[in-house]
PDB file of N, CA and C in Angstrom:
ATOM      1  N   UNK A   1      -0.995   3.369 -15.902  1.00  0.00           N
ATOM      2  CA  UNK A   1      -2.053   2.560 -15.327  1.00  0.00           C
ATOM      3  C   UNK A   1      -1.453   1.246 -14.868  1.00  0.00           C
ATOM      4  N   UNK A   2      -1.735   0.880 -13.645  1.00  0.00           N
ATOM      5  CA  UNK A   2      -1.304  -0.398 -13.092  1.00  0.00           C
ATOM      6  C   UNK A   2      -2.537  -1.236 -12.817  1.00  0.00           C
ATOM      7  N   UNK A   3      -2.427  -2.527 -13.053  1.00  0.00           N
ATOM      8  CA  UNK A   3      -3.540  -3.434 -12.829  1.00  0.00           C
ATOM      9  C   UNK A   3      -3.045  -4.632 -12.046  1.00  0.00           C
ATOM     10  N   UNK A   4      -3.764  -4.971 -10.998  1.00  0.00           N
ATOM     11  CA  UNK A   4      -3.386  -6.112 -10.184  1.00  0.00           C
ATOM     12  C   UNK A   4      -4.629  -6.852  -9.738  1.00  0.00           C
ATOM     13  N   UNK A   5      -4.537  -8.148  -9.686  1.00  0.00           N
ATOM     14  CA  UNK A   5      -5.633  -8.951  -9.175  1.00  0.00           C
ATOM     15  C   UNK A   5      -5.394  -9.377  -7.742  1.00  0.00           C
ATOM     16  N   UNK A   6      -4.317  -8.903  -7.164  1.00  0.00           N
ATOM     17  CA  UNK A   6      -3.937  -9.299  -5.814  1.00  0.00           C
ATOM     18  C   UNK A   6      -4.246  -8.199  -4.816  1.00  0.00           C
ATOM     19  N   UNK A   7      -5.067  -8.495  -3.808  1.00  0.00           N
ATOM     20  CA  UNK A   7      -5.294  -7.485  -2.770  1.00  0.00           C
ATOM     21  C   UNK A   7      -4.035  -7.319  -1.929  1.00  0.00           C
ATOM     22  N   UNK A   8      -3.603  -6.100  -1.743  1.00  0.00           N
ATOM     23  CA  UNK A   8      -2.377  -5.844  -0.984  1.00  0.00           C
ATOM     24  C   UNK A   8      -2.613  -4.892   0.174  1.00  0.00           C
ATOM     25  N   UNK A   9      -3.850  -4.717   0.551  1.00  0.00           N
ATOM     26  CA  UNK A   9      -4.174  -3.718   1.564  1.00  0.00           C
ATOM     27  C   UNK A   9      -3.718  -4.139   2.957  1.00  0.00           C
ATOM     28  N   UNK A  10      -3.554  -5.422   3.201  1.00  0.00           N
ATOM     29  CA  UNK A  10      -3.163  -5.852   4.537  1.00  0.00           C
ATOM     30  C   UNK A  10      -1.680  -5.625   4.802  1.00  0.00           C
ATOM     31  N   UNK A  11      -0.867  -5.499   3.772  1.00  0.00           N
ATOM     32  CA  UNK A  11       0.563  -5.233   3.918  1.00  0.00           C
ATOM     33  C   UNK A  11       0.938  -4.005   3.105  1.00  0.00           C
ATOM     34  N   UNK A  12       0.932  -2.859   3.738  1.00  0.00           N
ATOM     35  CA  UNK A  12       1.235  -1.625   3.022  1.00  0.00           C
ATOM     36  C   UNK A  12       2.598  -1.621   2.331  1.00  0.00           C
ATOM     37  N   UNK A  13       3.580  -2.342   2.863  1.00  0.00           N
ATOM     38  CA  UNK A  13       4.899  -2.335   2.235  1.00  0.00           C
ATOM     39  C   UNK A  13       4.831  -2.819   0.793  1.00  0.00           C
ATOM     40  N   UNK A  14       3.862  -3.681   0.476  1.00  0.00           N
ATOM     41  CA  UNK A  14       3.715  -4.200  -0.875  1.00  0.00           C
ATOM     42  C   UNK A  14       3.170  -3.141  -1.839  1.00  0.00           C
ATOM     43  N   UNK A  15       2.579  -2.099  -1.302  1.00  0.00           N
ATOM     44  CA  UNK A  15       2.017  -1.037  -2.134  1.00  0.00           C
ATOM     45  C   UNK A  15       3.035   0.031  -2.514  1.00  0.00           C
ATOM     46  N   UNK A  16       4.140   0.090  -1.806  1.00  0.00           N
ATOM     47  CA  UNK A  16       5.074   1.195  -2.000  1.00  0.00           C
ATOM     48  C   UNK A  16       5.569   1.292  -3.443  1.00  0.00           C
ATOM     49  N   UNK A  17       5.982   0.201  -4.043  1.00  0.00           N
ATOM     50  CA  UNK A  17       6.492   0.243  -5.429  1.00  0.00           C
ATOM     51  C   UNK A  17       5.406   0.676  -6.406  1.00  0.00           C
ATOM     52  N   UNK A  18       4.184   0.268  -6.160  1.00  0.00           N
ATOM     53  CA  UNK A  18       3.080   0.673  -7.027  1.00  0.00           C
ATOM     54  C   UNK A  18       2.798   2.166  -6.890  1.00  0.00           C
ATOM     55  N   UNK A  19       2.832   2.663  -5.660  1.00  0.00           N
ATOM     56  CA  UNK A  19       2.630   4.091  -5.428  1.00  0.00           C
ATOM     57  C   UNK A  19       3.753   4.880  -6.095  1.00  0.00           C
ATOM     58  N   UNK A  20       4.975   4.388  -5.991  1.00  0.00           N
ATOM     59  CA  UNK A  20       6.121   5.049  -6.625  1.00  0.00           C
ATOM     60  C   UNK A  20       5.938   5.130  -8.140  1.00  0.00           C
ATOM     61  N   UNK A  21       5.382   4.108  -8.744  1.00  0.00           N
ATOM     62  CA  UNK A  21       5.190   4.100 -10.194  1.00  0.00           C
ATOM     63  C   UNK A  21       4.144   5.114 -10.632  1.00  0.00           C
ATOM     64  N   UNK A  22       3.114   5.296  -9.828  1.00  0.00           N
ATOM     65  CA  UNK A  22       2.011   6.185 -10.197  1.00  0.00           C
ATOM     66  C   UNK A  22       2.230   7.619  -9.723  1.00  0.00           C
ATOM     67  N   UNK A  23       2.729   7.778  -8.492  1.00  0.00           N
ATOM     68  CA  UNK A  23       2.906   9.112  -7.906  1.00  0.00           C
ATOM     69  C   UNK A  23       4.194   9.149  -7.089  1.00  0.00           C
ATOM     70  N   UNK A  24       5.343   9.198  -7.754  1.00  0.00           N
ATOM     71  CA  UNK A  24       6.620   9.121  -7.035  1.00  0.00           C
ATOM     72  C   UNK A  24       6.864  10.251  -6.041  1.00  0.00           C
ATOM     73  N   UNK A  25       6.284  11.389  -6.253  1.00  0.00           N
ATOM     74  CA  UNK A  25       6.515  12.508  -5.342  1.00  0.00           C
ATOM     75  C   UNK A  25       5.705  12.391  -4.047  1.00  0.00           C
ATOM     76  N   UNK A  26       4.726  11.509  -4.028  1.00  0.00           N
ATOM     77  CA  UNK A  26       3.889  11.348  -2.841  1.00  0.00           C
ATOM     78  C   UNK A  26       4.702  10.832  -1.654  1.00  0.00           C
ATOM     79  N   UNK A  27       5.481   9.800  -1.882  1.00  0.00           N
ATOM     80  CA  UNK A  27       6.379   9.243  -0.869  1.00  0.00           C
ATOM     81  C   UNK A  27       7.724   8.990  -1.536  1.00  0.00           C
ATOM     82  N   UNK A  28       8.618   9.950  -1.520  1.00  0.00           N
ATOM     83  CA  UNK A  28       9.894   9.789  -2.224  1.00  0.00           C
ATOM     84  C   UNK A  28      10.799   8.709  -1.632  1.00  0.00           C
ATOM     85  N   UNK A  29      10.646   8.406  -0.345  1.00  0.00           N
ATOM     86  CA  UNK A  29      11.519   7.442   0.315  1.00  0.00           C
ATOM     87  C   UNK A  29      10.695   6.408   1.072  1.00  0.00           C
ATOM     88  N   UNK A  30      11.151   5.164   1.012  1.00  0.00           N
ATOM     89  CA  UNK A  30      10.421   4.105   1.710  1.00  0.00           C
ATOM     90  C   UNK A  30      10.393   4.334   3.210  1.00  0.00           C
ATOM     91  N   UNK A  31      11.469   4.837   3.793  1.00  0.00           N
ATOM     92  CA  UNK A  31      11.498   5.036   5.246  1.00  0.00           C
ATOM     93  C   UNK A  31      10.358   5.928   5.718  1.00  0.00           C
ATOM     94  N   UNK A  32      10.087   6.985   4.990  1.00  0.00           N
ATOM     95  CA  UNK A  32       8.987   7.882   5.349  1.00  0.00           C
ATOM     96  C   UNK A  32       7.662   7.128   5.305  1.00  0.00           C
ATOM     97  N   UNK A  33       7.452   6.394   4.218  1.00  0.00           N
ATOM     98  CA  UNK A  33       6.236   5.603   4.047  1.00  0.00           C
ATOM     99  C   UNK A  33       6.164   4.493   5.097  1.00  0.00           C
ATOM    100  N   UNK A  34       7.249   3.742   5.230  1.00  0.00           N
ATOM    101  CA  UNK A  34       7.278   2.606   6.146  1.00  0.00           C
ATOM    102  C   UNK A  34       7.060   2.992   7.595  1.00  0.00           C
ATOM    103  N   UNK A  35       7.664   4.083   8.017  1.00  0.00           N
ATOM    104  CA  UNK A  35       7.504   4.519   9.399  1.00  0.00           C
ATOM    105  C   UNK A  35       6.078   4.954   9.701  1.00  0.00           C
ATOM    106  N   UNK A  36       5.379   5.449   8.702  1.00  0.00           N
ATOM    107  CA  UNK A  36       4.010   5.932   8.905  1.00  0.00           C
ATOM    108  C   UNK A  36       2.972   4.827   8.763  1.00  0.00           C
ATOM    109  N   UNK A  37       3.152   3.924   7.791  1.00  0.00           N
ATOM    110  CA  UNK A  37       2.082   2.985   7.435  1.00  0.00           C
ATOM    111  C   UNK A  37       2.409   1.511   7.634  1.00  0.00           C
ATOM    112  N   UNK A  38       3.646   1.160   7.986  1.00  0.00           N
ATOM    113  CA  UNK A  38       4.032  -0.256   8.083  1.00  0.00           C
ATOM    114  C   UNK A  38       4.320  -0.718   9.503  1.00  0.00           C
ATOM    115  N   UNK A  39       3.974   0.076  10.503  1.00  0.00           N
ATOM    116  CA  UNK A  39       4.164  -0.279  11.903  1.00  0.00           C
ATOM    117  C   UNK A  39       5.535  -0.921  12.131  1.00  0.00           C
ATOM    118  N   UNK A  40       6.602  -0.163  11.922  1.00  0.00           N
ATOM    119  CA  UNK A  40       7.944  -0.747  11.999  1.00  0.00           C
ATOM    120  C   UNK A  40       8.283  -1.276  13.389  1.00  0.00           C
ATOM    121  N   UNK A  41       8.954  -2.407  13.396  1.00  0.00           N
ATOM    122  CA  UNK A  41       9.421  -3.017  14.633  1.00  0.00           C
ATOM    123  C   UNK A  41      10.937  -3.127  14.512  1.00  0.00           C
ATOM    124  N   UNK A  42      11.630  -2.469  15.417  1.00  0.00           N
ATOM    125  CA  UNK A  42      13.092  -2.484  15.383  1.00  0.00           C
ATOM    126  C   UNK A  42      13.588  -3.749  16.068  1.00  0.00           C
ATOM    127  N   UNK A  43      14.294  -4.551  15.298  1.00  0.00           N
ATOM    128  CA  UNK A  43      14.806  -5.820  15.796  1.00  0.00           C
ATOM    129  C   UNK A  43      16.329  -5.786  15.810  1.00  0.00           C
ATOM    130  N   UNK A  44      16.905  -6.819  16.338  1.00  0.00           N
ATOM    131  CA  UNK A  44      18.355  -6.904  16.477  1.00  0.00           C
ATOM    132  C   UNK A  44      19.062  -6.782  15.121  1.00  0.00           C
ATOM    133  N   UNK A  45      18.491  -7.339  14.076  1.00  0.00           N
ATOM    134  CA  UNK A  45      19.130  -7.365  12.755  1.00  0.00           C
ATOM    135  C   UNK A  45      18.655  -6.270  11.814  1.00  0.00           C
ATOM    136  N   UNK A  46      17.682  -5.476  12.229  1.00  0.00           N
ATOM    137  CA  UNK A  46      17.187  -4.396  11.382  1.00  0.00           C
ATOM    138  C   UNK A  46      15.734  -4.098  11.691  1.00  0.00           C
ATOM    139  N   UNK A  47      15.095  -3.366  10.820  1.00  0.00           N
ATOM    140  CA  UNK A  47      13.714  -2.967  11.031  1.00  0.00           C
ATOM    141  C   UNK A  47      12.779  -3.836  10.204  1.00  0.00           C
ATOM    142  N   UNK A  48      11.730  -4.318  10.845  1.00  0.00           N
ATOM    143  CA  UNK A  48      10.721  -5.156  10.200  1.00  0.00           C
ATOM    144  C   UNK A  48       9.532  -4.267   9.823  1.00  0.00           C
ATOM    145  N   UNK A  49       9.243  -4.195   8.531  1.00  0.00           N
ATOM    146  CA  UNK A  49       8.144  -3.362   8.032  1.00  0.00           C
ATOM    147  C   UNK A  49       6.961  -4.199   7.559  1.00  0.00           C
ATOM    148  N   UNK A  50       6.747  -5.371   8.148  1.00  0.00           N
ATOM    149  CA  UNK A  50       5.667  -6.249   7.696  1.00  0.00           C
ATOM    150  C   UNK A  50       4.311  -5.918   8.292  1.00  0.00           C
ATOM    151  N   UNK A  51       4.251  -4.966   9.183  1.00  0.00           N
ATOM    152  CA  UNK A  51       2.993  -4.640   9.843  1.00  0.00           C
ATOM    153  C   UNK A  51       2.181  -3.599   9.090  1.00  0.00           C
ATOM    154  N   UNK A  52       1.181  -3.086   9.769  1.00  0.00           N
ATOM    155  CA  UNK A  52       0.300  -2.070   9.204  1.00  0.00           C
ATOM    156  C   UNK A  52      -0.081  -1.073  10.293  1.00  0.00           C
ATOM    157  N   UNK A  53      -0.041   0.199   9.956  1.00  0.00           N
ATOM    158  CA  UNK A  53      -0.475   1.240  10.881  1.00  0.00           C
ATOM    159  C   UNK A  53      -1.119   2.374  10.088  1.00  0.00           C
ATOM    160  N   UNK A  54      -1.975   3.114  10.720  1.00  0.00           N
ATOM    161  CA  UNK A  54      -2.710   4.228  10.095  1.00  0.00           C
ATOM    162  C   UNK A  54      -3.439   3.807   8.824  1.00  0.00           C
ATOM    163  N   UNK A  55      -4.203   2.703   8.867  1.00  0.00           N
ATOM    164  CA  UNK A  55      -4.843   2.204   7.647  1.00  0.00           C
ATOM    165  C   UNK A  55      -5.900   3.146   7.065  1.00  0.00           C
ATOM    166  N   UNK A  56      -6.627   3.846   7.919  1.00  0.00           N
ATOM    167  CA  UNK A  56      -7.652   4.766   7.390  1.00  0.00           C
ATOM    168  C   UNK A  56      -7.011   5.900   6.600  1.00  0.00           C
ATOM    169  N   UNK A  57      -5.932   6.428   7.139  1.00  0.00           N
ATOM    170  CA  UNK A  57      -5.226   7.508   6.453  1.00  0.00           C
ATOM    171  C   UNK A  57      -4.672   7.020   5.108  1.00  0.00           C
ATOM    172  N   UNK A  58      -4.063   5.839   5.111  1.00  0.00           N
ATOM    173  CA  UNK A  58      -3.516   5.283   3.874  1.00  0.00           C
ATOM    174  C   UNK A  58      -4.622   5.011   2.859  1.00  0.00           C
ATOM    175  N   UNK A  59      -5.742   4.480   3.308  1.00  0.00           N
ATOM    176  CA  UNK A  59      -6.860   4.238   2.385  1.00  0.00           C
ATOM    177  C   UNK A  59      -7.385   5.535   1.793  1.00  0.00           C
ATOM    178  N   UNK A  60      -7.400   6.601   2.576  1.00  0.00           N
ATOM    179  CA  UNK A  60      -7.831   7.899   2.048  1.00  0.00           C
ATOM    180  C   UNK A  60      -6.883   8.379   0.947  1.00  0.00           C
ATOM    181  N   UNK A  61      -5.599   8.187   1.161  1.00  0.00           N
ATOM    182  CA  UNK A  61      -4.612   8.578   0.143  1.00  0.00           C
ATOM    183  C   UNK A  61      -4.754   7.698  -1.088  1.00  0.00           C
ATOM    184  N   UNK A  62      -4.902   6.396  -0.864  1.00  0.00           N
ATOM    185  CA  UNK A  62      -5.005   5.468  -1.990  1.00  0.00           C
ATOM    186  C   UNK A  62      -6.273   5.671  -2.804  1.00  0.00           C
ATOM    187  N   UNK A  63      -7.317   6.174  -2.180  1.00  0.00           N
ATOM    188  CA  UNK A  63      -8.567   6.390  -2.921  1.00  0.00           C
ATOM    189  C   UNK A  63      -8.400   7.436  -4.018  1.00  0.00           C
ATOM    190  N   UNK A  64      -7.356   8.257  -3.915  1.00  0.00           N
ATOM    191  CA  UNK A  64      -7.088   9.228  -4.977  1.00  0.00           C
ATOM    192  C   UNK A  64      -6.228   8.626  -6.085  1.00  0.00           C
ATOM    193  N   UNK A  65      -5.652   7.440  -5.834  1.00  0.00           N
ATOM    194  CA  UNK A  65      -4.739   6.814  -6.795  1.00  0.00           C
ATOM    195  C   UNK A  65      -5.277   5.549  -7.436  1.00  0.00           C
ATOM    196  N   UNK A  66      -6.186   4.863  -6.764  1.00  0.00           N
ATOM    197  CA  UNK A  66      -6.600   3.572  -7.296  1.00  0.00           C
ATOM    198  C   UNK A  66      -8.106   3.394  -7.249  1.00  0.00           C
ATOM    199  N   UNK A  67      -8.553   2.516  -8.111  1.00  0.00           N
ATOM    200  CA  UNK A  67      -9.951   2.113  -8.133  1.00  0.00           C
ATOM    201  C   UNK A  67      -9.968   0.661  -7.698  1.00  0.00           C
ATOM    202  N   UNK A  68     -10.724   0.383  -6.685  1.00  0.00           N
ATOM    203  CA  UNK A  68     -10.774  -0.984  -6.170  1.00  0.00           C
ATOM    204  C   UNK A  68     -12.126  -1.585  -6.492  1.00  0.00           C
ATOM    205  N   UNK A  69     -12.084  -2.744  -7.115  1.00  0.00           N
ATOM    206  CA  UNK A  69     -13.307  -3.480  -7.422  1.00  0.00           C
ATOM    207  C   UNK A  69     -13.229  -4.836  -6.751  1.00  0.00           C
ATOM    208  N   UNK A  70     -14.310  -5.224  -6.110  1.00  0.00           N
ATOM    209  CA  UNK A  70     -14.355  -6.515  -5.453  1.00  0.00           C
ATOM    210  C   UNK A  70     -14.838  -7.569  -6.451  1.00  0.00           C
ATOM    211  N   UNK A  71     -14.481  -8.805  -6.171  1.00  0.00           N
ATOM    212  CA  UNK A  71     -14.823  -9.913  -7.060  1.00  0.00           C
ATOM    213  C   UNK A  71     -16.323  -9.963  -7.324  1.00  0.00           C
ATOM    214  N   UNK A  72     -17.123  -9.771  -6.287  1.00  0.00           N
ATOM    215  CA  UNK A  72     -18.568  -9.818  -6.448  1.00  0.00           C
ATOM    216  C   UNK A  72     -19.076  -8.769  -7.430  1.00  0.00           C
ATOM    217  N   UNK A  73     -18.381  -7.631  -7.500  1.00  0.00           N
ATOM    218  CA  UNK A  73     -18.803  -6.545  -8.379  1.00  0.00           C
ATOM    219  C   UNK A  73     -18.499  -6.815  -9.848  1.00  0.00           C
ATOM    220  N   UNK A  74     -17.470  -7.591 -10.115  1.00  0.00           N
ATOM    221  CA  UNK A  74     -17.041  -7.778 -11.507  1.00  0.00           C
ATOM    222  C   UNK A  74     -17.104  -9.228 -11.987  1.00  0.00           C
ATOM    223  N   UNK A  75     -17.557 -10.132 -11.153  1.00  0.00           N
ATOM    224  CA  UNK A  75     -17.559 -11.554 -11.504  1.00  0.00           C
ATOM    225  C   UNK A  75     -18.301 -11.831 -12.799  1.00  0.00           C
ATOM    226  N   UNK A  76     -19.399 -11.167 -13.040  1.00  0.00           N
ATOM    227  CA  UNK A  76     -20.170 -11.420 -14.269  1.00  0.00           C
ATOM    228  C   UNK A  76     -19.415 -10.945 -15.507  1.00  0.00           C
ATOM    229  N   UNK A  77     -18.428 -10.084 -15.349  1.00  0.00           N
ATOM    230  CA  UNK A  77     -17.673  -9.553 -16.483  1.00  0.00           C
ATOM    231  C   UNK A  77     -16.398 -10.351 -16.762  1.00  0.00           C
ATOM    232  N   UNK A  78     -16.059 -11.280 -15.876  1.00  0.00           N
ATOM    233  CA  UNK A  78     -14.828 -12.066 -16.053  1.00  0.00           C
ATOM    234  C   UNK A  78     -15.043 -13.261 -16.939  1.00  0.00           C
TER     235      UNK A  78
END
């Protein structure tokens, strides 16, 4: 079980290590994940994976791995 208070949905690259911890066989290599969900931009010095692509598909996959609660939903319990 992983718990985070930080929303990371806008940068899929930040989710890769968490996905690896919970379901390593889902995306065995970052390149596969990054090329599909991080909108890679090939630059002179290397590839930039700071973007986002295919967010609906990634959210569908993540819905099987994580439970997301918004602050408004849990504020009374904090």
